[in-house]
Every structure is written in C-alpha cells, then in structure tokens.
C-alpha cells in the first residue's frame, strides 16, 4: 500500500467501501479524488476483514498521512 487510493481500491467499488464502514459513496469518492481518508474513518476501515487481510494497519495509515503533509 503506497497511498490512500490503494487502500480504497482494496474494495471492488467505492460504494462497497462506503457500505462496509457506514459512509456515503460520494464521500468515499471524494477521499479517492483527494488521495486522503480522514483519521476519524480509519477505525472503520481497520475493522474490515478486507483491510486486515491486506495488512492495512494504523501505522500504515499514519505513515500515508505523514507523507501527504510533508
């Protein structure tokens, strides 16, 4: 995983991710466009089986966010 987009793309569609975490599909689409997922949604993502199986961790998400700031 090298970007928030790559995390979002673990799901077949943005709608599937939205459903999995209780977000609106349009919100997830905006995250993909900005290549950023706000931290308040990280726990929801981390609780999904798809993220766990792909090795997504809080440390990974924090690292991706830090790169964006730098």
Protein backbone atom coordinates (compact mmCIF):
# COMPACT_ATOMS: atom_id res chain seq x y z
CA UNK A 1 0.00 0.00 0.00
CA UNK A 2 1.56 3.22 -1.15
CA UNK A 3 -1.37 5.64 -0.99
CA UNK A 4 -4.83 6.13 0.43
CA UNK A 5 -6.11 5.40 -3.07
CA UNK A 6 -4.52 1.97 -2.93
CA UNK A 7 -6.29 1.34 0.38
CA UNK A 8 -9.63 2.49 -1.05
CA UNK A 9 -9.07 0.32 -4.13
CA UNK A 10 -8.97 -2.83 -1.99
CA UNK A 11 -12.73 -2.79 -2.42
CA UNK A 12 -14.26 -3.56 -5.80
CA UNK A 13 -16.14 -0.26 -5.74
CA UNK A 14 -16.16 2.88 -3.65
CA UNK A 15 -19.76 2.02 -2.80
CA UNK A 16 -18.61 -1.27 -1.29
CA UNK A 17 -16.16 0.51 1.00
CA UNK A 18 -18.81 3.07 1.93
CA UNK A 19 -21.23 0.29 2.86
CA UNK A 20 -18.57 -1.53 4.88
CA UNK A 21 -17.80 1.49 7.06
CA UNK A 22 -21.11 3.40 7.07
CA UNK A 23 -20.01 6.31 4.88
CA UNK A 24 -21.73 7.82 1.86
CA UNK A 25 -20.44 6.62 -1.51
CA UNK A 26 -19.90 10.24 -2.58
CA UNK A 27 -17.74 10.79 0.49
CA UNK A 28 -15.53 7.83 -0.37
CA UNK A 29 -15.27 9.10 -3.95
CA UNK A 30 -14.04 12.44 -2.64
CA UNK A 31 -11.45 10.67 -0.49
CA UNK A 32 -10.21 8.82 -3.57
CA UNK A 33 -10.01 12.05 -5.56
CA UNK A 34 -8.04 13.78 -2.77
CA UNK A 35 -5.99 10.64 -2.05
CA UNK A 36 -6.78 11.01 1.65
CA UNK A 37 -9.01 9.36 4.23
CA UNK A 38 -9.75 11.47 7.30
CA UNK A 39 -8.47 9.90 10.54
CA UNK A 40 -11.95 9.66 12.04
CA UNK A 41 -12.70 6.94 9.45
CA UNK A 42 -9.54 4.89 9.96
CA UNK A 43 -11.01 2.69 12.72
CA UNK A 44 -13.92 1.75 10.50
CA UNK A 45 -11.56 0.75 7.73
CA UNK A 46 -9.25 -1.13 10.09
CA UNK A 47 -12.17 -3.19 11.42
CA UNK A 48 -12.95 -4.65 7.99
CA UNK A 49 -11.72 -8.07 7.04
CA UNK A 50 -10.54 -6.80 3.66
CA UNK A 51 -8.19 -4.26 5.26
CA UNK A 52 -6.88 -6.78 7.81
CA UNK A 53 -6.22 -9.38 5.11
CA UNK A 54 -4.34 -6.77 3.04
CA UNK A 55 -2.18 -5.82 6.00
CA UNK A 56 -3.58 -2.32 6.48
CA UNK A 57 -2.63 -1.02 9.92
CA UNK A 58 -2.99 2.20 11.86
CA UNK A 59 0.74 2.71 11.43
CA UNK A 60 0.37 2.43 7.66
CA UNK A 61 -2.46 4.96 7.57
CA UNK A 62 -0.50 7.35 9.79
CA UNK A 63 2.53 6.97 7.52
CA UNK A 64 0.43 7.75 4.44
CA UNK A 65 -0.99 10.83 6.17
CA UNK A 66 2.51 11.98 7.20
CA UNK A 67 3.72 11.72 3.61
CA UNK A 68 0.84 13.89 2.49
CA UNK A 69 1.76 16.59 5.00
CA UNK A 70 5.47 16.54 4.15
